[in-house]
Amino acid sequence: MVTAVQPRSVPASRVRFAAVRHLGPHWYASVMGTAIVANAGATLPVGFPGLRTGRTVVWALSCVLLLALLTARALHWAHHRDRARAHLLDPAVAPFYGCLSMALLAVGAGTLLVGRDWIGPGAALAVDTVLFVAGTAVGLAAAVAIPYLMVVRHRIGPGQASPVWLLPVVAPMVSAAVGPLLVPHLPAGQVRESFLLACYAMFGLSLLATLTMLPVIFARLVTAGPLPLALTPALFLVLGPLGQSTTAATKFADVAGGVLPVPYAHGLSVFAVLYGVPVTGFALLWLALSVALVVRARRAGMGFAMTWWAFTFPVGTCVTGAEGLGRHTGLAVFDGLALVLYAALVAAWAVASVCTVRGLFDGRLLAPPART
């Protein structure tokens, strides 16, 4: 007599929350890309009609997106832990855990820059403080944990280096860039000085980690050829640490006076220009190379994927970096560069947003990954 094998029952919670089963950490890139539109708009050297209203709407949207994704990702971890663990062990997905940190930090900075006019300075400061602490803690943890997993658990073959490797190590640079916004609100004296130097330490942490990875990424391009079509937009991620570090350098110079001893404060002002100008030059070189490769990939049939959000946040950091250089050098060319890049940022955000909404409605973006 043959005993029939009963099919394994699927937990009711897994069925009920099936929509979030394949919701990966890369979705936080949509929050980052939305928040940077508001944040960069708040730092532009000139204003124009509708800018204040537009950036406020986008900031509010970034807040809603952050809350929605935090809830959805919590459900993902609660009811689909097998997939969550699989994401951590997948070298193509794990680096995106750095996006959570940057999403928290970007929305927090936007609340202080834009939201304070609507929710009040006190509430805006409280929100930014909470999100900064949480984002920095997550970012520092990711900067250690993800490279650790890459070394001991991930199996990465030759020619698999990817720009997404930068995501966990660039998160502390975002903390370094937005941290100076909190300096004026801290007690004068050693508290301010210690906090500013901690931001500077995160600047160095992220910069040196980035410099170890960039040669590997470029070597992969020249030895193994262009990235797969869907991953090609990720080339824009290299702009993130370049623009964000320039932004951080100029922000340090903005607040150093009265916080650090005079020689160091003056040195940071000099460093902002001596560092920011050549790095911006390299960023423009990489931007041109990335655009050329994206155009090539588009002609080869590259369709929309969530990697298109790489066209937003990294470009936004170059906007804030150019704006900071314009302020410290007094040169109109940097102001003009900031405006041109901001126009490109808004256009990229609009395209990515529309395509994402369309992909959600047709179910393609939350569908199970294709089997190979």
Protein backbone atom coordinates (compact mmCIF):
# COMPACT_ATOMS: atom_id res chain seq x y z
CA MET A 1 0.00 0.00 0.00
CA VAL A 2 1.40 3.35 -1.05
CA THR A 3 0.83 6.24 1.29
CA ALA A 4 -0.05 9.47 -0.44
CA VAL A 5 2.36 12.30 0.25
CA GLN A 6 0.54 15.30 1.60
CA PRO A 7 1.62 18.60 0.05
CA ARG A 8 3.47 20.87 2.42
CA SER A 9 1.15 23.55 3.70
CA VAL A 10 2.12 27.13 3.12
CA PRO A 11 1.83 29.42 6.16
CA ALA A 12 -1.20 31.69 5.93
CA SER A 13 0.95 34.73 6.65
CA ARG A 14 3.14 33.95 3.66
CA VAL A 15 0.08 33.82 1.42
CA ARG A 16 -1.39 36.96 2.92
CA PHE A 17 1.80 38.98 2.47
CA ALA A 18 2.90 37.42 -0.80
CA ALA A 19 3.15 40.86 -2.43
CA VAL A 20 6.26 41.71 -0.35
CA ARG A 21 8.02 38.35 -0.74
CA HIS A 22 10.34 39.65 -3.44
CA LEU A 23 10.61 43.23 -2.14
CA GLY A 24 14.37 43.66 -1.88
CA PRO A 25 16.44 46.35 -0.16
CA HIS A 26 17.08 48.00 -3.56
CA TRP A 27 13.63 49.59 -3.28
CA TYR A 28 15.06 52.12 -0.81
CA ALA A 29 16.81 53.67 -3.82
CA SER A 30 13.45 55.16 -4.81
CA VAL A 31 13.32 56.98 -1.45
CA MET A 32 16.88 58.24 -1.89
CA GLY A 33 16.20 59.39 -5.43
CA THR A 34 13.04 61.21 -4.39
CA ALA A 35 14.52 62.89 -1.31
CA ILE A 36 17.56 64.21 -3.19
CA VAL A 37 15.29 66.12 -5.58
CA ALA A 38 13.98 68.12 -2.62
CA ASN A 39 17.35 68.42 -0.86
CA ALA A 40 19.25 69.55 -3.94
CA GLY A 41 16.45 71.97 -4.80
CA ALA A 42 16.85 73.58 -1.39
CA THR A 43 20.53 74.35 -2.03
CA LEU A 44 20.32 75.71 -5.58
CA PRO A 45 22.11 79.05 -6.04
CA VAL A 46 19.05 80.64 -7.66
CA GLY A 47 15.33 80.16 -7.31
CA PHE A 48 12.56 80.07 -9.86
CA PRO A 49 8.75 79.99 -9.77
CA GLY A 50 7.32 76.80 -8.34
CA LEU A 51 10.61 75.53 -6.88
CA ARG A 52 9.61 75.95 -3.24
CA THR A 53 6.25 74.26 -3.73
CA GLY A 54 7.72 71.53 -5.89
CA ARG A 55 10.49 70.58 -3.50
CA THR A 56 8.02 70.56 -0.60
CA VAL A 57 5.73 68.15 -2.42
CA VAL A 58 8.65 65.90 -3.30
CA TRP A 59 9.94 65.97 0.28
CA ALA A 60 6.50 64.96 1.58
CA LEU A 61 6.41 62.17 -1.00
CA SER A 62 9.82 60.92 0.16
CA CYS A 63 8.51 60.76 3.74
CA VAL A 64 5.48 58.72 2.66
CA LEU A 65 7.65 56.40 0.58
CA LEU A 66 10.06 55.86 3.48
CA LEU A 67 7.25 54.96 5.89
CA ALA A 68 5.63 52.65 3.34
CA LEU A 69 8.89 50.84 2.57
CA LEU A 70 9.90 50.50 6.22
CA THR A 71 6.53 48.85 6.86
CA ALA A 72 6.74 46.62 3.80
CA ARG A 73 10.31 45.56 4.56
CA ALA A 74 9.34 44.78 8.16
CA LEU A 75 6.58 42.50 6.82
CA HIS A 76 9.13 40.98 4.45
CA TRP A 77 11.47 40.08 7.30
CA ALA A 78 8.62 38.88 9.53
CA HIS A 79 6.91 36.61 7.00
CA HIS A 80 9.55 35.83 4.36
CA ARG A 81 12.74 35.33 6.33
CA ASP A 82 13.94 32.71 3.88
CA ARG A 83 14.00 35.31 1.12
CA ALA A 84 15.51 37.94 3.43
CA ARG A 85 18.38 35.59 4.32
CA ALA A 86 18.79 34.67 0.67
CA HIS A 87 19.16 38.37 -0.16
CA LEU A 88 21.95 38.72 2.40
CA LEU A 89 23.77 35.75 0.91
CA ASP A 90 23.34 36.98 -2.68
CA PRO A 91 26.36 39.11 -3.71
CA ALA A 92 24.17 40.95 -6.25
CA VAL A 93 21.58 41.98 -3.64
CA ALA A 94 23.37 42.29 -0.29
CA PRO A 95 25.16 45.59 -1.10
CA PHE A 96 21.76 47.26 -1.46
CA TYR A 97 21.36 47.11 2.31
CA GLY A 98 23.39 50.32 2.29
CA CYS A 99 20.39 52.01 0.66
CA LEU A 100 18.38 51.83 3.90
CA SER A 101 20.93 54.02 5.65
CA MET A 102 21.03 56.56 2.83
CA ALA A 103 17.23 56.68 2.59
CA LEU A 104 16.95 57.50 6.31
CA LEU A 105 19.68 60.13 6.10
CA ALA A 106 18.32 61.77 2.94
CA VAL A 107 14.79 62.09 4.30
CA GLY A 108 16.13 63.40 7.60
CA ALA A 109 18.21 66.08 5.90
CA GLY A 110 15.24 67.03 3.71
CA THR A 111 13.08 67.44 6.79
CA LEU A 112 15.53 69.96 8.22
CA LEU A 113 16.13 71.74 4.91
CA VAL A 114 12.59 71.77 3.52
CA GLY A 115 10.16 70.40 6.09
CA ARG A 116 10.97 72.90 8.84
CA ASP A 117 8.87 75.53 7.05
CA TRP A 118 5.83 73.24 7.36
CA ILE A 119 6.20 71.24 10.57
CA GLY A 120 8.22 73.77 12.54
CA PRO A 121 11.95 73.98 13.33
CA GLY A 122 11.69 71.98 16.55
CA ALA A 123 9.85 69.05 15.02
CA ALA A 124 12.11 69.10 11.95
CA LEU A 125 15.22 68.99 14.15
CA ALA A 126 13.81 66.09 16.18
CA VAL A 127 12.98 64.09 13.05
CA ASP A 128 16.37 64.73 11.49
CA THR A 129 18.17 63.80 14.71
CA VAL A 130 16.36 60.46 14.98
CA LEU A 131 16.84 59.63 11.30
CA PHE A 132 20.49 60.72 11.37
CA VAL A 133 21.30 58.51 14.36
CA ALA A 134 19.42 55.54 12.90
CA GLY A 135 20.83 56.05 9.40
CA THR A 136 24.39 56.42 10.64
CA ALA A 137 24.16 53.32 12.82
CA VAL A 138 22.74 51.27 9.94
CA GLY A 139 25.33 52.70 7.54
CA LEU A 140 28.31 51.90 9.75
CA ALA A 141 26.96 48.39 10.35
CA ALA A 142 26.46 47.83 6.61
CA ALA A 143 29.94 49.20 5.83
CA VAL A 144 31.39 46.38 7.97
CA ALA A 145 28.85 43.57 7.61
CA ILE A 146 28.44 43.55 3.83
CA PRO A 147 32.18 43.46 3.02
CA TYR A 148 32.50 40.75 5.69
CA LEU A 149 29.84 38.67 3.94
CA MET A 150 31.56 39.28 0.61
CA VAL A 151 34.76 37.83 2.03
CA VAL A 152 33.49 34.86 4.02
CA ARG A 153 30.12 33.86 2.51
CA HIS A 154 29.71 35.24 -1.01
CA ARG A 155 31.34 33.41 -3.88
CA ILE A 156 32.35 36.04 -6.40
CA GLY A 157 34.00 34.94 -9.61
CA PRO A 158 36.44 36.83 -11.83
CA GLY A 159 34.80 39.60 -13.81
CA GLN A 160 31.85 39.98 -11.40
CA ALA A 161 32.90 43.26 -9.83
CA SER A 162 29.98 45.68 -9.82
CA PRO A 163 29.38 49.36 -8.99
CA VAL A 164 26.74 48.24 -6.47
CA TRP A 165 29.64 47.22 -4.22
CA LEU A 166 29.99 50.92 -3.43
CA LEU A 167 26.57 51.19 -1.80
CA PRO A 168 27.41 49.96 1.72
CA VAL A 169 30.71 51.85 1.95
CA VAL A 170 29.32 55.14 0.63
CA ALA A 171 26.60 55.28 3.30
CA PRO A 172 28.95 56.80 5.95
CA MET A 173 29.82 59.50 3.41
CA VAL A 174 26.17 60.52 3.35
CA SER A 175 26.29 60.80 7.15
CA ALA A 176 29.39 62.96 6.79
CA ALA A 177 27.65 65.23 4.27
CA VAL A 178 24.39 65.76 6.17
CA GLY A 179 25.86 65.72 9.69
CA PRO A 180 27.07 69.35 9.53
CA LEU A 181 23.41 70.45 9.33
CA LEU A 182 23.12 69.44 13.00
CA VAL A 183 26.28 71.19 14.19
CA PRO A 184 24.65 74.60 14.91
CA HIS A 185 22.04 72.86 17.07
CA LEU A 186 24.59 71.16 19.33
CA PRO A 187 26.08 72.64 22.54
CA ALA A 188 29.08 74.83 21.80
CA GLY A 189 32.53 73.60 22.67
CA GLN A 190 33.78 70.05 22.67
CA VAL A 191 30.43 68.53 21.72
CA ARG A 192 30.32 70.43 18.42
CA GLU A 193 33.99 69.84 17.71
CA SER A 194 33.78 66.12 18.48
CA PHE A 195 30.69 65.71 16.31
CA LEU A 196 32.23 67.56 13.37
CA LEU A 197 35.43 65.52 13.60
CA ALA A 198 33.35 62.33 13.79
CA CYS A 199 31.72 63.36 10.50
CA TYR A 200 35.18 64.01 9.10
CA ALA A 201 36.26 60.53 10.23
CA MET A 202 33.29 59.01 8.38
CA PHE A 203 34.34 61.03 5.34
CA GLY A 204 37.76 59.37 5.48
CA LEU A 205 36.34 55.93 6.19
CA SER A 206 34.10 56.06 3.15
CA LEU A 207 36.60 57.78 0.86
CA LEU A 208 39.39 55.26 1.47
CA ALA A 209 37.01 52.31 1.10
CA THR A 210 35.76 53.78 -2.18
CA LEU A 211 39.29 54.26 -3.45
CA THR A 212 40.02 50.56 -2.86
CA MET A 213 36.96 49.51 -4.90
CA LEU A 214 37.01 51.92 -7.84
CA PRO A 215 40.12 50.39 -9.50
CA VAL A 216 38.53 46.93 -9.25
CA ILE A 217 35.30 48.18 -10.85
CA PHE A 218 37.11 49.95 -13.69
CA ALA A 219 39.39 46.96 -14.25
CA ARG A 220 36.33 44.77 -14.60
CA LEU A 221 34.96 47.09 -17.31
CA VAL A 222 38.12 47.17 -19.40
CA THR A 223 38.90 43.45 -19.06
CA ALA A 224 35.43 41.87 -19.17
CA GLY A 225 33.55 44.40 -21.28
CA PRO A 226 30.33 46.34 -20.63
CA LEU A 227 28.01 45.39 -17.79
CA PRO A 228 24.86 43.36 -18.48
CA LEU A 229 22.15 45.57 -19.98
CA ALA A 230 19.93 45.75 -16.88
CA LEU A 231 22.92 46.61 -14.67
CA THR A 232 24.39 49.31 -16.93
CA PRO A 233 22.63 52.22 -15.13
CA ALA A 234 24.52 51.17 -11.98
CA LEU A 235 27.58 52.86 -13.48
CA PHE A 236 26.05 56.12 -12.24
CA LEU A 237 26.54 54.88 -8.66
CA VAL A 238 30.21 55.83 -8.94
CA LEU A 239 29.07 59.46 -9.01
CA GLY A 240 27.64 59.04 -5.51
CA PRO A 241 30.86 59.00 -3.49
CA LEU A 242 32.38 61.64 -5.79
CA GLY A 243 29.56 64.14 -5.47
CA GLN A 244 28.83 63.30 -1.84
CA SER A 245 32.44 63.71 -0.76
CA THR A 246 32.62 67.10 -2.48
CA THR A 247 29.40 68.09 -0.74
CA ALA A 248 30.78 66.92 2.61
CA ALA A 249 34.03 68.87 2.13
CA THR A 250 32.14 72.09 1.44
CA LYS A 251 29.75 71.49 4.36
CA PHE A 252 32.68 71.00 6.72
CA ALA A 253 34.06 74.34 5.60
CA ASP A 254 30.65 75.99 6.09
CA VAL A 255 30.45 75.15 9.80
CA ALA A 256 34.11 74.85 10.84
CA GLY A 257 34.46 78.52 11.79
CA GLY A 258 33.92 78.91 15.52
CA VAL A 259 33.88 75.12 16.00
CA LEU A 260 37.48 74.16 15.23
CA PRO A 261 40.66 76.13 16.02
CA VAL A 262 41.42 78.77 13.39
CA PRO A 263 44.18 76.91 11.50
CA TYR A 264 41.99 73.84 11.06
CA ALA A 265 38.90 75.81 10.14
CA HIS A 266 40.86 77.70 7.50
CA GLY A 267 42.43 74.45 6.33
CA LEU A 268 39.01 72.89 5.75
CA SER A 269 38.00 75.88 3.62
CA VAL A 270 41.10 75.43 1.49
CA PHE A 271 40.59 71.67 1.38
CA ALA A 272 37.01 72.08 0.15
CA VAL A 273 38.23 73.71 -3.05
CA LEU A 274 41.50 71.81 -3.52
CA TYR A 275 39.67 68.50 -3.10
CA GLY A 276 36.30 69.35 -4.64
CA VAL A 277 37.43 70.80 -7.96
CA PRO A 278 39.50 67.83 -9.23
CA VAL A 279 36.97 65.31 -7.89
CA THR A 280 34.20 67.15 -9.72
CA GLY A 281 36.32 67.00 -12.86
CA PHE A 282 36.62 63.23 -12.52
CA ALA A 283 32.89 63.00 -11.81
CA LEU A 284 32.13 64.75 -15.10
CA LEU A 285 34.49 62.37 -16.90
CA TRP A 286 32.73 59.36 -15.35
CA LEU A 287 29.34 60.90 -16.13
CA ALA A 288 30.25 61.18 -19.81
CA LEU A 289 31.52 57.58 -19.90
CA SER A 290 28.40 56.31 -18.11
CA VAL A 291 26.04 58.19 -20.42
CA ALA A 292 27.81 56.73 -23.47
CA LEU A 293 27.52 53.19 -22.10
CA VAL A 294 23.87 53.68 -21.14
CA VAL A 295 23.05 54.95 -24.64
CA ARG A 296 24.81 51.89 -26.06
CA ALA A 297 22.83 49.60 -23.74
CA ARG A 298 19.56 51.34 -24.61
CA ARG A 299 20.20 50.80 -28.30
CA ALA A 300 20.91 47.16 -27.54
CA GLY A 301 17.48 46.77 -25.95
CA MET A 302 17.92 47.78 -22.29
CA GLY A 303 14.49 48.06 -20.70
CA PHE A 304 13.38 49.59 -17.43
CA ALA A 305 14.61 48.06 -14.19
CA MET A 306 14.95 49.40 -10.67
CA THR A 307 18.60 50.13 -11.50
CA TRP A 308 17.28 53.22 -13.31
CA TRP A 309 17.04 54.88 -9.89
CA ALA A 310 20.84 55.09 -10.09
CA PHE A 311 20.23 58.04 -12.42
CA THR A 312 18.86 60.08 -9.49
CA PHE A 313 20.63 60.13 -6.13
CA PRO A 314 24.22 60.06 -7.45
CA VAL A 315 23.47 62.93 -9.84
CA GLY A 316 21.83 64.81 -6.97
CA THR A 317 25.01 64.58 -4.92
CA CYS A 318 26.87 66.17 -7.82
CA VAL A 319 24.32 69.00 -7.77
CA THR A 320 24.97 69.72 -4.09
CA GLY A 321 28.72 69.35 -4.63
CA ALA A 322 28.73 71.85 -7.49
CA GLU A 323 26.58 74.24 -5.48
CA GLY A 324 29.02 74.07 -2.59
CA LEU A 325 31.97 74.78 -4.86
CA GLY A 326 30.13 77.71 -6.37
CA ARG A 327 29.59 79.14 -2.91
CA HIS A 328 33.22 78.71 -1.86
CA THR A 329 34.86 79.85 -5.09
CA GLY A 330 32.34 82.49 -6.15
CA LEU A 331 32.52 81.14 -9.71
CA ALA A 332 29.34 81.21 -11.77
CA VAL A 333 30.46 78.16 -13.74
CA PHE A 334 29.79 75.92 -10.73
CA ASP A 335 26.39 77.52 -10.20
CA GLY A 336 25.59 76.86 -13.84
CA LEU A 337 26.76 73.26 -13.51
CA ALA A 338 24.51 72.77 -10.49
CA LEU A 339 21.49 74.05 -12.41
CA VAL A 340 22.17 71.88 -15.47
CA LEU A 341 22.66 68.78 -13.34
CA TYR A 342 19.51 69.58 -11.35
CA ALA A 343 17.47 69.73 -14.55
CA ALA A 344 18.87 66.32 -15.51
CA LEU A 345 18.08 65.02 -12.02
CA VAL A 346 14.44 66.10 -12.17
CA ALA A 347 14.02 64.57 -15.63
CA ALA A 348 15.59 61.28 -14.51
CA TRP A 349 13.44 61.20 -11.37
CA ALA A 350 10.27 61.77 -13.38
CA VAL A 351 11.07 58.95 -15.81
CA ALA A 352 12.08 56.52 -13.05
CA SER A 353 8.97 57.36 -11.02
CA VAL A 354 6.54 56.86 -13.89
CA CYS A 355 8.17 53.59 -14.94
CA THR A 356 8.18 52.33 -11.34
CA VAL A 357 4.49 53.07 -10.84
CA ARG A 358 3.72 51.36 -14.13
CA GLY A 359 5.78 48.33 -13.12
CA LEU A 360 3.96 48.10 -9.79
CA PHE A 361 0.55 48.17 -11.41
CA ASP A 362 1.39 45.47 -13.93
CA GLY A 363 3.07 43.37 -11.22
CA ARG A 364 6.36 43.01 -13.06
CA LEU A 365 8.56 44.68 -10.43
CA LEU A 366 7.38 42.46 -7.57
CA ALA A 367 7.30 39.25 -9.57
CA PRO A 368 9.58 36.32 -8.63
CA PRO A 369 13.02 36.51 -10.26
CA ALA A 370 13.25 34.64 -13.55
CA ARG A 371 14.78 31.19 -13.29
CA THR A 372 17.98 30.71 -15.28
